[in-house]
Protein backbone atom coordinates (compact mmCIF):
# COMPACT_ATOMS: atom_id res chain seq x y z
CA MET A 1 33.03 -10.14 4.13
CA LEU A 2 29.56 -9.36 5.46
CA LYS A 3 27.81 -6.08 4.72
CA ILE A 4 24.78 -4.46 6.31
CA ARG A 5 23.08 -2.85 3.34
CA LEU A 6 19.82 -1.85 1.68
CA ARG A 7 17.85 -4.25 -0.52
CA ARG A 8 15.40 -2.50 -2.83
CA THR A 9 11.72 -3.40 -2.75
CA GLY A 10 8.66 -1.53 -3.95
CA ALA A 11 7.18 -0.62 -7.29
CA LYS A 12 8.77 1.32 -10.12
CA LYS A 13 9.59 4.89 -9.01
CA GLN A 14 8.35 4.07 -5.48
CA PRO A 15 11.37 2.60 -3.75
CA SER A 16 11.41 1.21 -0.27
CA TYR A 17 14.25 -0.78 1.19
CA ARG A 18 14.94 -3.64 3.57
CA VAL A 19 18.02 -3.45 5.77
CA VAL A 20 19.74 -6.82 5.40
CA VAL A 21 22.98 -8.61 6.21
CA ALA A 22 24.48 -10.08 3.04
CA GLU A 23 27.75 -11.35 1.68
CA SER A 24 29.56 -8.47 -0.05
CA THR A 25 29.83 -10.45 -3.30
CA SER A 26 26.08 -11.12 -3.63
CA PRO A 27 23.98 -8.81 -5.85
CA ARG A 28 21.93 -5.95 -4.38
CA ASP A 29 18.67 -7.88 -4.47
CA GLY A 30 20.29 -11.31 -4.14
CA THR A 31 20.60 -13.69 -1.23
CA PHE A 32 20.94 -12.39 2.32
CA LEU A 33 21.38 -13.83 5.80
CA GLU A 34 18.88 -11.82 7.84
CA ILE A 35 16.43 -8.93 7.54
CA LEU A 36 17.22 -6.32 10.18
CA GLY A 37 14.58 -3.72 9.38
CA HIS A 38 13.18 -1.46 6.68
CA TYR A 39 13.61 2.07 5.33
CA ASN A 40 11.18 4.18 3.31
CA PRO A 41 12.60 7.51 2.08
CA LEU A 42 9.32 8.62 0.49
CA THR A 43 7.32 9.11 3.70
CA GLU A 44 7.45 12.43 5.51
CA PRO A 45 9.40 12.10 7.78
CA THR A 46 11.32 9.11 6.43
CA THR A 47 10.57 5.75 8.02
CA PHE A 48 13.50 3.79 9.43
CA VAL A 49 12.74 0.77 11.61
CA VAL A 50 15.56 -1.52 12.68
CA LYS A 51 16.23 -4.28 15.23
CA GLU A 52 18.92 -2.48 17.22
CA GLU A 53 20.14 -5.49 19.19
CA ARG A 54 20.58 -7.63 16.07
CA VAL A 55 22.44 -4.79 14.32
CA ARG A 56 24.83 -4.48 17.26
CA GLU A 57 25.39 -8.26 17.24
CA TRP A 58 26.23 -8.26 13.52
CA LEU A 59 28.56 -5.27 13.94
CA ALA A 60 30.31 -7.11 16.79
CA GLN A 61 30.78 -10.10 14.46
CA GLY A 62 32.53 -7.88 11.92
CA ALA A 63 29.77 -6.91 9.47
CA GLN A 64 30.45 -3.56 7.80
CA PRO A 65 27.58 -1.14 7.07
CA THR A 66 27.44 0.64 3.72
CA GLU A 67 27.72 4.44 3.67
CA ARG A 68 23.95 5.01 3.54
CA VAL A 69 23.22 2.48 6.29
CA GLN A 70 26.03 3.98 8.40
CA ARG A 71 24.39 7.42 8.10
CA LEU A 72 20.98 6.01 9.06
CA LEU A 73 22.40 4.11 12.05
CA THR A 74 24.36 7.15 13.21
CA ALA A 75 21.27 9.35 12.99
CA ARG A 76 19.42 6.78 15.10
CA GLY A 77 22.26 6.70 17.63
CA ILE A 78 23.16 3.04 17.13
CA THR A 79 26.72 3.67 15.88
CA LYS A 80 29.24 6.45 16.17
CA THR A 81 30.50 8.44 13.20
CA THR A 82 33.79 7.25 11.74
CA ALA A 83 35.38 10.44 10.43
């Protein structure tokens, strides 16, 4: 199963993340298929840049976003909330 999730980058105590498509069994910072964007929670306001068309293509192919990525995509208006 494919997941759209965050991959941690950045220095100690200064996290930033890449939004990637990865196999659900691979480790958090392990192999991935494609980088879709990046997210930095430390900036004010938070930085979230994503390739919307590629995200929609992966979602159409059955990739499932994690909870955090789902919240970010919903806030951006790319996906609908699944309550």
